[in-house]
């Protein structure tokens, strides 16, 4: 055996000896019961109704749902057929209806499937917004969607592929405007 082969063998043995403790240590395996436990709701409610107030004692938002499941370990709450009332500045309430909703710990709620957002201000510039997905940031009072939306006002219908909105300032931005149909009302 020559010196080069002997050096390679010695280096290989040293590398093996240094990495052996890492190979022999056992990895921490998550117990199946913990994983399964995460998918079991902490609590459930049927025909749920909840009202939350701000620091001044004014209604901040109300939630109605046919079914609610809270998953504390996963950090979210699921709603079936939610109806969510948002009171931005208490003057311009909005009602969001959908088939499904998910509330996350960071105060975001995502509504999916047959989402209908209705302004409860009859004088509002926008009356109804329809889409299949919208995310409402409750802390910032904003709405966002990257899905096709239909925005209906008193005399117009706007189609867009997504929008952002501020519930407090009533400012809206279309992400990808598709079409607007304007039909002026006929005075009587």
N, C-alpha and C. Protein backbone atom coordinates (compact mmCIF):
# COMPACT_ATOMS: atom_id res chain seq x y z
N UNK A 1 0.85 -1.16 0.00
CA UNK A 1 0.00 0.00 0.00
C UNK A 1 0.90 1.23 0.00
N UNK A 2 0.58 2.17 -0.88
CA UNK A 2 1.42 3.36 -0.93
C UNK A 2 0.89 4.43 0.02
N UNK A 3 1.64 5.52 0.15
CA UNK A 3 1.30 6.58 1.10
C UNK A 3 0.01 7.31 0.74
N UNK A 4 -0.26 7.52 -0.52
CA UNK A 4 -1.46 8.24 -0.95
C UNK A 4 -2.70 7.46 -0.54
N UNK A 5 -2.69 6.16 -0.79
CA UNK A 5 -3.84 5.31 -0.42
C UNK A 5 -4.00 5.29 1.10
N UNK A 6 -2.92 5.22 1.82
CA UNK A 6 -2.97 5.21 3.28
C UNK A 6 -3.53 6.53 3.81
N UNK A 7 -3.13 7.67 3.23
CA UNK A 7 -3.64 8.98 3.64
C UNK A 7 -5.14 9.09 3.37
N UNK A 8 -5.58 8.59 2.24
CA UNK A 8 -7.01 8.64 1.90
C UNK A 8 -7.82 7.80 2.89
N UNK A 9 -7.31 6.64 3.24
CA UNK A 9 -8.01 5.77 4.20
C UNK A 9 -8.07 6.45 5.56
N UNK A 10 -6.97 7.08 6.00
CA UNK A 10 -6.94 7.75 7.31
C UNK A 10 -7.92 8.92 7.31
N UNK A 11 -7.96 9.71 6.25
CA UNK A 11 -8.90 10.83 6.17
C UNK A 11 -10.35 10.33 6.18
N UNK A 12 -10.61 9.24 5.49
CA UNK A 12 -11.95 8.66 5.46
C UNK A 12 -12.37 8.20 6.86
N UNK A 13 -11.47 7.57 7.59
CA UNK A 13 -11.76 7.09 8.95
C UNK A 13 -12.00 8.27 9.88
N UNK A 14 -11.20 9.34 9.74
CA UNK A 14 -11.39 10.53 10.59
C UNK A 14 -12.76 11.17 10.30
N UNK A 15 -13.12 11.32 9.00
CA UNK A 15 -14.41 11.89 8.63
C UNK A 15 -15.55 11.03 9.15
N UNK A 16 -15.40 9.73 9.07
CA UNK A 16 -16.42 8.81 9.58
C UNK A 16 -16.55 8.94 11.08
N UNK A 17 -15.43 9.05 11.79
CA UNK A 17 -15.45 9.16 13.25
C UNK A 17 -16.11 10.48 13.68
N UNK A 18 -15.89 11.56 12.95
CA UNK A 18 -16.49 12.84 13.30
C UNK A 18 -17.99 12.89 13.02
N UNK A 19 -18.45 12.21 11.99
CA UNK A 19 -19.87 12.25 11.65
C UNK A 19 -20.68 11.14 12.31
N UNK A 20 -20.04 10.16 12.88
CA UNK A 20 -20.72 9.03 13.50
C UNK A 20 -21.66 9.44 14.63
N UNK A 21 -21.26 10.34 15.55
CA UNK A 21 -22.20 10.73 16.62
C UNK A 21 -23.49 11.35 16.08
N UNK A 22 -23.39 12.11 15.01
CA UNK A 22 -24.60 12.70 14.41
C UNK A 22 -25.51 11.65 13.82
N UNK A 23 -24.93 10.61 13.23
CA UNK A 23 -25.75 9.54 12.66
C UNK A 23 -26.41 8.69 13.73
N UNK A 24 -25.69 8.51 14.84
CA UNK A 24 -26.21 7.64 15.89
C UNK A 24 -27.26 8.32 16.76
N UNK A 25 -27.24 9.66 16.82
CA UNK A 25 -28.24 10.33 17.66
C UNK A 25 -29.62 10.15 17.03
N UNK A 26 -30.61 9.97 17.89
CA UNK A 26 -31.96 9.75 17.40
C UNK A 26 -32.64 11.09 17.14
N UNK A 27 -33.35 11.16 16.04
CA UNK A 27 -34.13 12.35 15.74
C UNK A 27 -35.40 12.31 16.57
N UNK A 28 -35.81 13.52 17.00
CA UNK A 28 -37.04 13.61 17.76
C UNK A 28 -38.21 13.41 16.81
N UNK A 29 -38.99 12.41 17.06
CA UNK A 29 -40.13 12.07 16.21
C UNK A 29 -41.39 12.58 16.88
N UNK A 30 -42.21 13.31 16.11
CA UNK A 30 -43.47 13.80 16.65
C UNK A 30 -44.42 12.62 16.80
N UNK A 31 -44.96 12.49 17.96
CA UNK A 31 -45.88 11.40 18.24
C UNK A 31 -47.15 11.62 17.43
N UNK A 32 -47.66 10.54 16.84
CA UNK A 32 -48.87 10.63 16.03
C UNK A 32 -50.03 11.22 16.80
N UNK A 33 -50.09 10.95 18.09
CA UNK A 33 -51.22 11.46 18.86
C UNK A 33 -51.20 12.99 18.91
N UNK A 34 -50.00 13.62 18.92
CA UNK A 34 -49.92 15.07 18.91
C UNK A 34 -50.40 15.62 17.57
N UNK A 35 -50.03 14.98 16.49
CA UNK A 35 -50.45 15.42 15.16
C UNK A 35 -51.97 15.26 15.02
N UNK A 36 -52.48 14.14 15.45
CA UNK A 36 -53.92 13.90 15.37
C UNK A 36 -54.67 14.85 16.29
N UNK A 37 -54.10 15.15 17.44
CA UNK A 37 -54.74 16.05 18.40
C UNK A 37 -54.90 17.46 17.83
N UNK A 38 -53.94 17.88 17.00
CA UNK A 38 -54.01 19.22 16.40
C UNK A 38 -55.23 19.35 15.50
N UNK A 39 -55.67 18.27 14.89
CA UNK A 39 -56.81 18.31 13.98
C UNK A 39 -58.15 18.08 14.68
N UNK A 40 -58.11 17.97 15.99
CA UNK A 40 -59.35 17.86 16.76
C UNK A 40 -59.66 19.25 17.31
N UNK A 41 -60.84 19.81 17.01
CA UNK A 41 -61.15 21.16 17.48
C UNK A 41 -61.14 21.26 19.01
N UNK A 42 -60.64 22.39 19.51
CA UNK A 42 -60.67 22.64 20.95
C UNK A 42 -62.10 22.83 21.43
N UNK A 43 -62.88 23.53 20.61
CA UNK A 43 -64.30 23.66 20.89
C UNK A 43 -65.05 23.91 19.60
N UNK A 44 -66.35 23.62 19.64
CA UNK A 44 -67.22 23.78 18.49
C UNK A 44 -68.48 24.49 18.93
N UNK A 45 -69.13 25.13 17.97
CA UNK A 45 -70.41 25.79 18.25
C UNK A 45 -71.30 25.65 17.02
N UNK A 46 -72.58 25.47 17.26
CA UNK A 46 -73.57 25.45 16.20
C UNK A 46 -74.44 26.69 16.33
N UNK A 47 -74.80 27.27 15.19
CA UNK A 47 -75.62 28.48 15.17
C UNK A 47 -75.04 29.53 16.12
N UNK A 48 -73.77 29.80 15.94
CA UNK A 48 -72.99 30.67 16.80
C UNK A 48 -73.26 32.15 16.50
N UNK A 49 -73.22 32.95 17.53
CA UNK A 49 -73.33 34.41 17.40
C UNK A 49 -72.37 35.03 18.40
N UNK A 50 -71.56 35.98 17.91
CA UNK A 50 -70.56 36.63 18.77
C UNK A 50 -70.48 38.10 18.41
N UNK A 51 -70.37 38.96 19.41
CA UNK A 51 -70.23 40.40 19.21
C UNK A 51 -68.98 40.85 19.94
N UNK A 52 -68.10 41.59 19.23
CA UNK A 52 -66.88 42.13 19.83
C UNK A 52 -66.95 43.65 19.82
N UNK A 53 -66.50 44.26 20.93
CA UNK A 53 -66.57 45.70 21.09
C UNK A 53 -65.15 46.29 21.09
N UNK A 54 -65.05 47.56 20.71
CA UNK A 54 -63.75 48.23 20.75
C UNK A 54 -63.52 48.83 22.15
N UNK A 55 -62.44 49.58 22.30
CA UNK A 55 -62.08 50.16 23.61
C UNK A 55 -63.10 51.18 24.10
N UNK A 56 -63.84 51.79 23.19
CA UNK A 56 -64.84 52.78 23.57
C UNK A 56 -66.20 52.17 23.86
N UNK A 57 -66.32 50.86 23.70
CA UNK A 57 -67.57 50.18 23.95
C UNK A 57 -68.50 50.13 22.75
N UNK A 58 -68.01 50.55 21.58
CA UNK A 58 -68.80 50.48 20.36
C UNK A 58 -68.61 49.12 19.70
N UNK A 59 -69.62 48.67 18.98
CA UNK A 59 -69.52 47.37 18.30
C UNK A 59 -68.45 47.45 17.23
N UNK A 60 -67.50 46.53 17.28
CA UNK A 60 -66.42 46.45 16.30
C UNK A 60 -66.79 45.49 15.18
N UNK A 61 -67.25 44.30 15.55
CA UNK A 61 -67.77 43.36 14.57
C UNK A 61 -68.63 42.29 15.24
N UNK A 62 -69.50 41.71 14.42
CA UNK A 62 -70.37 40.63 14.87
C UNK A 62 -70.20 39.46 13.92
N UNK A 63 -70.28 38.25 14.48
CA UNK A 63 -70.14 37.03 13.68
C UNK A 63 -71.34 36.14 13.95
N UNK A 64 -71.91 35.64 12.85
CA UNK A 64 -72.95 34.62 12.91
C UNK A 64 -72.46 33.47 12.04
N UNK A 65 -72.63 32.25 12.48
CA UNK A 65 -72.20 31.10 11.67
C UNK A 65 -73.06 29.89 12.00
N UNK A 66 -73.31 29.07 10.99
CA UNK A 66 -74.03 27.83 11.23
C UNK A 66 -73.20 26.87 12.08
N UNK A 67 -71.87 26.89 11.84
CA UNK A 67 -70.98 26.02 12.60
C UNK A 67 -69.63 26.70 12.74
N UNK A 68 -68.99 26.55 13.90
CA UNK A 68 -67.68 27.12 14.15
C UNK A 68 -66.83 26.06 14.86
N UNK A 69 -65.57 25.94 14.43
CA UNK A 69 -64.62 25.02 15.05
C UNK A 69 -63.31 25.75 15.28
N UNK A 70 -62.82 25.73 16.53
CA UNK A 70 -61.56 26.38 16.86
C UNK A 70 -60.46 25.34 16.99
N UNK A 71 -59.34 25.56 16.28
CA UNK A 71 -58.17 24.68 16.33
C UNK A 71 -57.02 25.47 16.93
N UNK A 72 -56.91 25.42 18.25
CA UNK A 72 -55.93 26.23 18.96
C UNK A 72 -54.50 25.88 18.59
N UNK A 73 -54.17 24.59 18.48
CA UNK A 73 -52.81 24.17 18.14
C UNK A 73 -52.41 24.61 16.73
N UNK A 74 -53.36 24.70 15.82
CA UNK A 74 -53.07 25.11 14.45
C UNK A 74 -53.19 26.62 14.26
N UNK A 75 -53.83 27.30 15.18
CA UNK A 75 -53.90 28.76 15.14
C UNK A 75 -54.98 29.35 14.26
N UNK A 76 -56.09 28.65 14.07
CA UNK A 76 -57.18 29.23 13.28
C UNK A 76 -58.53 28.71 13.74
N UNK A 77 -59.58 29.40 13.27
CA UNK A 77 -60.96 29.04 13.56
C UNK A 77 -61.70 28.94 12.23
N UNK A 78 -62.43 27.84 12.03
CA UNK A 78 -63.20 27.63 10.80
C UNK A 78 -64.66 27.97 11.03
N UNK A 79 -65.27 28.61 10.03
CA UNK A 79 -66.69 28.93 10.06
C UNK A 79 -67.37 28.32 8.85
N UNK A 80 -68.54 27.76 9.05
CA UNK A 80 -69.40 27.29 7.96
C UNK A 80 -70.56 28.27 7.85
N UNK A 81 -70.79 28.75 6.64
CA UNK A 81 -71.83 29.72 6.33
C UNK A 81 -71.78 30.94 7.27
N UNK A 82 -70.62 31.61 7.30
CA UNK A 82 -70.52 32.78 8.16
C UNK A 82 -71.23 34.00 7.59
N UNK A 83 -71.71 34.83 8.47
CA UNK A 83 -72.22 36.15 8.15
C UNK A 83 -71.52 37.09 9.11
N UNK A 84 -70.68 37.95 8.57
CA UNK A 84 -69.77 38.76 9.38
C UNK A 84 -70.10 40.23 9.18
N UNK A 85 -70.39 40.95 10.25
CA UNK A 85 -70.67 42.38 10.17
C UNK A 85 -69.47 43.15 10.70
N UNK A 86 -68.95 44.06 9.87
CA UNK A 86 -67.80 44.90 10.23
C UNK A 86 -68.29 46.33 10.37
N UNK A 87 -67.92 46.96 11.47
CA UNK A 87 -68.33 48.33 11.71
C UNK A 87 -67.09 49.22 11.66
N UNK A 88 -66.75 49.71 10.48
CA UNK A 88 -65.63 50.64 10.32
C UNK A 88 -66.13 52.03 10.65
N UNK A 89 -65.59 52.65 11.66
CA UNK A 89 -65.99 53.97 12.15
C UNK A 89 -67.46 54.00 12.57
N UNK A 90 -68.07 52.86 12.75
CA UNK A 90 -69.47 52.71 13.15
C UNK A 90 -70.46 53.39 12.21
N UNK A 91 -69.96 54.04 11.14
CA UNK A 91 -70.87 54.73 10.22
C UNK A 91 -71.12 53.93 8.96
N UNK A 92 -70.17 53.11 8.55
CA UNK A 92 -70.27 52.39 7.29
C UNK A 92 -70.12 50.89 7.53
N UNK A 93 -71.13 50.27 8.10
CA UNK A 93 -71.02 48.82 8.34
C UNK A 93 -71.08 48.02 7.03
N UNK A 94 -70.37 46.92 7.03
CA UNK A 94 -70.34 45.99 5.89
C UNK A 94 -70.74 44.62 6.39
N UNK A 95 -71.44 43.88 5.56
CA UNK A 95 -71.84 42.52 5.88
C UNK A 95 -71.20 41.59 4.85
N UNK A 96 -70.48 40.58 5.35
CA UNK A 96 -69.83 39.61 4.47
C UNK A 96 -70.48 38.26 4.71
N UNK A 97 -71.04 37.68 3.64
CA UNK A 97 -71.64 36.34 3.69
C UNK A 97 -70.82 35.43 2.79
N UNK A 98 -70.63 34.18 3.21
CA UNK A 98 -69.87 33.21 2.41
C UNK A 98 -70.26 31.80 2.85
N UNK A 99 -69.77 30.84 2.11
CA UNK A 99 -69.98 29.44 2.49
C UNK A 99 -68.98 29.00 3.56
N UNK A 100 -67.75 29.54 3.49
CA UNK A 100 -66.70 29.16 4.43
C UNK A 100 -65.90 30.38 4.84
N UNK A 101 -65.37 30.33 6.05
CA UNK A 101 -64.49 31.39 6.53
C UNK A 101 -63.44 30.81 7.45
N UNK A 102 -62.26 31.45 7.46
CA UNK A 102 -61.16 31.02 8.34
C UNK A 102 -60.59 32.25 9.01
N UNK A 103 -60.62 32.28 10.34
CA UNK A 103 -60.07 33.37 11.12
C UNK A 103 -58.72 32.93 11.67
N UNK A 104 -57.67 33.71 11.39
CA UNK A 104 -56.32 33.40 11.84
C UNK A 104 -55.97 34.25 13.05
N UNK A 105 -54.95 33.83 13.80
CA UNK A 105 -54.54 34.52 15.02
C UNK A 105 -54.07 35.94 14.77
N UNK A 106 -53.60 36.24 13.55
CA UNK A 106 -53.10 37.58 13.25
C UNK A 106 -54.21 38.53 12.79
N UNK A 107 -55.45 38.22 13.12
CA UNK A 107 -56.62 39.06 12.84
C UNK A 107 -56.95 39.18 11.35
N UNK A 108 -56.65 38.12 10.59
CA UNK A 108 -57.08 38.04 9.19
C UNK A 108 -58.19 37.01 9.11
N UNK A 109 -59.19 37.32 8.32
CA UNK A 109 -60.24 36.33 8.08
C UNK A 109 -60.41 36.19 6.57
N UNK A 110 -60.37 34.96 6.11
CA UNK A 110 -60.51 34.67 4.69
C UNK A 110 -61.88 34.03 4.46
N UNK A 111 -62.62 34.62 3.52
CA UNK A 111 -63.92 34.10 3.14
C UNK A 111 -63.80 33.45 1.78
N UNK A 112 -64.43 32.29 1.63
CA UNK A 112 -64.33 31.55 0.37
C UNK A 112 -65.69 31.02 -0.05
N UNK A 113 -65.89 30.90 -1.35
CA UNK A 113 -67.05 30.30 -2.00
C UNK A 113 -68.30 31.16 -1.81
N UNK A 114 -68.79 31.69 -2.93
CA UNK A 114 -70.01 32.51 -2.95
C UNK A 114 -69.95 33.67 -1.95
N UNK A 115 -68.89 34.44 -2.02
CA UNK A 115 -68.72 35.57 -1.10
C UNK A 115 -69.53 36.76 -1.60
N UNK A 116 -70.32 37.33 -0.71
CA UNK A 116 -71.11 38.51 -1.03
C UNK A 116 -70.86 39.54 0.08
N UNK A 117 -70.31 40.68 -0.33
CA UNK A 117 -70.01 41.76 0.61
C UNK A 117 -71.03 42.87 0.34
N UNK A 118 -71.81 43.21 1.35
CA UNK A 118 -72.89 44.17 1.18
C UNK A 118 -72.65 45.38 2.08
N UNK A 119 -72.75 46.57 1.49
CA UNK A 119 -72.67 47.79 2.29
C UNK A 119 -74.03 48.02 2.92
N UNK A 120 -74.05 48.25 4.21
CA UNK A 120 -75.31 48.54 4.89
C UNK A 120 -75.61 50.03 4.89
N UNK A 121 -74.77 50.81 4.21
CA UNK A 121 -74.98 52.24 4.00
C UNK A 121 -75.69 52.40 2.65
N UNK A 122 -76.97 52.70 2.66
CA UNK A 122 -77.74 52.76 1.41
C UNK A 122 -77.28 53.89 0.50
N UNK A 123 -76.57 54.88 1.03
CA UNK A 123 -76.06 55.99 0.23
C UNK A 123 -74.64 55.71 -0.29
N UNK A 124 -74.08 54.55 0.02
CA UNK A 124 -72.71 54.24 -0.35
C UNK A 124 -72.48 54.15 -1.85
N UNK A 125 -71.28 54.47 -2.25
CA UNK A 125 -70.89 54.43 -3.66
C UNK A 125 -70.88 52.99 -4.18
N UNK A 126 -70.50 52.06 -3.31
CA UNK A 126 -70.51 50.64 -3.67
C UNK A 126 -71.54 49.94 -2.79
N UNK A 127 -72.43 49.18 -3.42
CA UNK A 127 -73.49 48.50 -2.68
C UNK A 127 -73.16 47.03 -2.42
N UNK A 128 -72.66 46.31 -3.44
CA UNK A 128 -72.40 44.87 -3.31
C UNK A 128 -71.12 44.52 -4.05
N UNK A 129 -70.35 43.62 -3.46
CA UNK A 129 -69.16 43.05 -4.10
C UNK A 129 -69.33 41.53 -4.05
N UNK A 130 -69.17 40.89 -5.21
CA UNK A 130 -69.29 39.42 -5.27
C UNK A 130 -67.98 38.84 -5.78
N UNK A 131 -67.55 37.73 -5.15
CA UNK A 131 -66.32 37.05 -5.54
C UNK A 131 -66.33 35.66 -4.93
N UNK A 132 -65.30 34.88 -5.18
CA UNK A 132 -65.17 33.56 -4.54
C UNK A 132 -64.13 33.55 -3.44
N UNK A 133 -63.39 34.67 -3.28
CA UNK A 133 -62.40 34.75 -2.21
C UNK A 133 -62.16 36.21 -1.85
N UNK A 134 -62.13 36.49 -0.57
CA UNK A 134 -61.71 37.80 -0.08
C UNK A 134 -61.06 37.61 1.29
N UNK A 135 -60.02 38.40 1.52
CA UNK A 135 -59.34 38.39 2.82
C UNK A 135 -59.58 39.74 3.48
N UNK A 136 -60.06 39.72 4.71
CA UNK A 136 -60.31 40.93 5.47
C UNK A 136 -59.31 40.98 6.61
N UNK A 137 -58.56 42.07 6.68
CA UNK A 137 -57.64 42.29 7.79
C UNK A 137 -58.39 43.12 8.81
N UNK A 138 -58.76 42.50 9.93
CA UNK A 138 -59.59 43.16 10.93
C UNK A 138 -58.83 44.27 11.64
N UNK A 139 -57.53 44.11 11.83
CA UNK A 139 -56.73 45.13 12.52
C UNK A 139 -56.59 46.39 11.67
N UNK A 140 -56.34 46.21 10.38
CA UNK A 140 -56.14 47.36 9.49
C UNK A 140 -57.40 47.81 8.79
N UNK A 141 -58.49 47.07 8.93
CA UNK A 141 -59.78 47.36 8.29
C UNK A 141 -59.62 47.46 6.77
N UNK A 142 -59.01 46.43 6.18
CA UNK A 142 -58.82 46.39 4.73
C UNK A 142 -59.36 45.08 4.18
N UNK A 143 -59.67 45.09 2.88
CA UNK A 143 -60.11 43.89 2.17
C UNK A 143 -59.20 43.71 0.97
N UNK A 144 -59.01 42.44 0.59
CA UNK A 144 -58.16 42.12 -0.56
C UNK A 144 -58.69 40.86 -1.23
N UNK A 145 -58.67 40.86 -2.56
CA UNK A 145 -58.99 39.66 -3.32
C UNK A 145 -58.15 39.65 -4.58
N UNK A 146 -57.67 38.46 -4.96
CA UNK A 146 -56.96 38.32 -6.23
C UNK A 146 -57.78 37.48 -7.21
N UNK A 147 -59.04 37.29 -6.89
CA UNK A 147 -59.97 36.52 -7.72
C UNK A 147 -60.87 37.47 -8.50
N UNK A 148 -61.56 36.97 -9.54
CA UNK A 148 -62.52 37.81 -10.26
C UNK A 148 -63.59 38.34 -9.30
N UNK A 149 -63.88 39.63 -9.43
CA UNK A 149 -64.88 40.27 -8.57
C UNK A 149 -65.87 41.05 -9.43
N UNK A 150 -67.07 41.18 -8.91
CA UNK A 150 -68.11 42.00 -9.51
C UNK A 150 -68.50 43.03 -8.47
N UNK A 151 -68.33 44.31 -8.80
CA UNK A 151 -68.62 45.41 -7.89
C UNK A 151 -69.84 46.13 -8.43
N UNK A 152 -70.88 46.22 -7.60
CA UNK A 152 -72.16 46.77 -8.04
C UNK A 152 -72.44 48.06 -7.27
N UNK A 153 -72.71 49.12 -8.01
CA UNK A 153 -73.07 50.40 -7.42
C UNK A 153 -74.46 50.79 -7.86
N UNK A 154 -74.89 52.01 -7.53
CA UNK A 154 -76.25 52.43 -7.87
C UNK A 154 -76.56 52.38 -9.37
N UNK A 155 -75.61 52.73 -10.23
CA UNK A 155 -75.89 52.78 -11.67
C UNK A 155 -74.82 52.08 -12.49
N UNK A 156 -74.06 51.22 -11.91
CA UNK A 156 -72.95 50.61 -12.65
C UNK A 156 -72.60 49.23 -12.10
N UNK A 157 -71.89 48.48 -12.94
CA UNK A 157 -71.33 47.19 -12.55
C UNK A 157 -69.89 47.17 -13.06
N UNK A 158 -68.95 46.86 -12.17
CA UNK A 158 -67.53 46.79 -12.53
C UNK A 158 -67.07 45.35 -12.37
N UNK A 159 -66.39 44.83 -13.38
CA UNK A 159 -65.78 43.51 -13.30
C UNK A 159 -64.26 43.69 -13.28
N UNK A 160 -63.61 42.96 -12.38
CA UNK A 160 -62.17 43.09 -12.23
C UNK A 160 -61.61 41.76 -11.76
N UNK A 161 -60.32 41.59 -11.97
CA UNK A 161 -59.62 40.42 -11.44
C UNK A 161 -58.86 40.87 -10.20
N UNK A 162 -59.58 41.04 -9.12
CA UNK A 162 -58.99 41.41 -7.85
C UNK A 162 -59.20 42.88 -7.51
N UNK A 163 -59.10 43.17 -6.20
CA UNK A 163 -59.23 44.54 -5.72
C UNK A 163 -58.64 44.63 -4.31
N UNK A 164 -58.36 45.85 -3.90
CA UNK A 164 -58.02 46.14 -2.50
C UNK A 164 -58.95 47.26 -2.06
N UNK A 165 -59.25 47.31 -0.77
CA UNK A 165 -60.17 48.33 -0.27
C UNK A 165 -59.83 48.66 1.18
N UNK A 166 -60.06 49.89 1.53
CA UNK A 166 -59.98 50.34 2.92
C UNK A 166 -61.40 50.56 3.39
N UNK A 167 -61.80 49.88 4.44
CA UNK A 167 -63.16 50.03 4.95
C UNK A 167 -63.36 51.37 5.65
N UNK A 168 -62.29 51.93 6.18
CA UNK A 168 -62.42 53.21 6.88
C UNK A 168 -62.46 54.39 5.93
N UNK A 169 -61.59 54.41 4.92
CA UNK A 169 -61.54 55.55 4.00
C UNK A 169 -62.45 55.37 2.80
N UNK A 170 -62.99 54.17 2.61
CA UNK A 170 -63.85 53.84 1.48
C UNK A 170 -63.13 54.02 0.14
N UNK A 171 -61.82 53.76 0.13
CA UNK A 171 -61.03 53.81 -1.11
C UNK A 171 -60.85 52.40 -1.64
N UNK A 172 -61.03 52.26 -2.96
CA UNK A 172 -60.95 50.97 -3.62
C UNK A 172 -59.95 51.05 -4.76
N UNK A 173 -59.24 49.97 -4.98
CA UNK A 173 -58.30 49.90 -6.10
C UNK A 173 -58.49 48.58 -6.82
N UNK A 174 -58.73 48.66 -8.12
CA UNK A 174 -58.88 47.46 -8.93
C UNK A 174 -57.50 46.97 -9.33
N UNK A 175 -57.26 45.67 -9.19
CA UNK A 175 -55.95 45.12 -9.54
C UNK A 175 -55.82 44.90 -11.04
N UNK A 176 -56.89 44.46 -11.68
CA UNK A 176 -56.87 44.21 -13.12
C UNK A 176 -58.29 44.44 -13.65
N UNK A 177 -58.58 45.70 -13.99
CA UNK A 177 -59.91 46.08 -14.46
C UNK A 177 -60.25 45.34 -15.75
N UNK A 178 -61.44 44.78 -15.83
CA UNK A 178 -61.88 44.04 -17.01
C UNK A 178 -62.92 44.85 -17.78
N UNK A 179 -64.00 45.27 -17.09
CA UNK A 179 -65.10 45.93 -17.79
C UNK A 179 -65.94 46.71 -16.79
N UNK A 180 -66.48 47.84 -17.26
CA UNK A 180 -67.43 48.63 -16.47
C UNK A 180 -68.65 48.91 -17.34
N UNK A 181 -69.82 48.69 -16.79
CA UNK A 181 -71.07 49.01 -17.47
C UNK A 181 -71.77 50.06 -16.62
N UNK A 182 -72.02 51.21 -17.24
CA UNK A 182 -72.68 52.33 -16.56
C UNK A 182 -74.05 52.55 -17.18
N UNK A 183 -75.09 52.59 -16.35
CA UNK A 183 -76.45 52.83 -16.82
C UNK A 183 -77.04 53.94 -15.96
N UNK A 184 -77.04 55.18 -16.49
CA UNK A 184 -77.59 56.28 -15.70
C UNK A 184 -79.06 56.05 -15.39
N UNK A 185 -79.47 56.50 -14.23
CA UNK A 185 -80.87 56.34 -13.87
C UNK A 185 -81.70 57.38 -14.60
N UNK A 186 -82.90 57.02 -14.93
CA UNK A 186 -83.81 57.90 -15.64
C UNK A 186 -84.63 58.66 -14.61
N UNK A 187 -84.61 60.01 -14.64
CA UNK A 187 -85.41 60.76 -13.67
C UNK A 187 -86.90 60.54 -13.90
N UNK A 188 -87.63 60.47 -12.85
CA UNK A 188 -89.08 60.24 -12.95
C UNK A 188 -89.84 61.49 -12.73
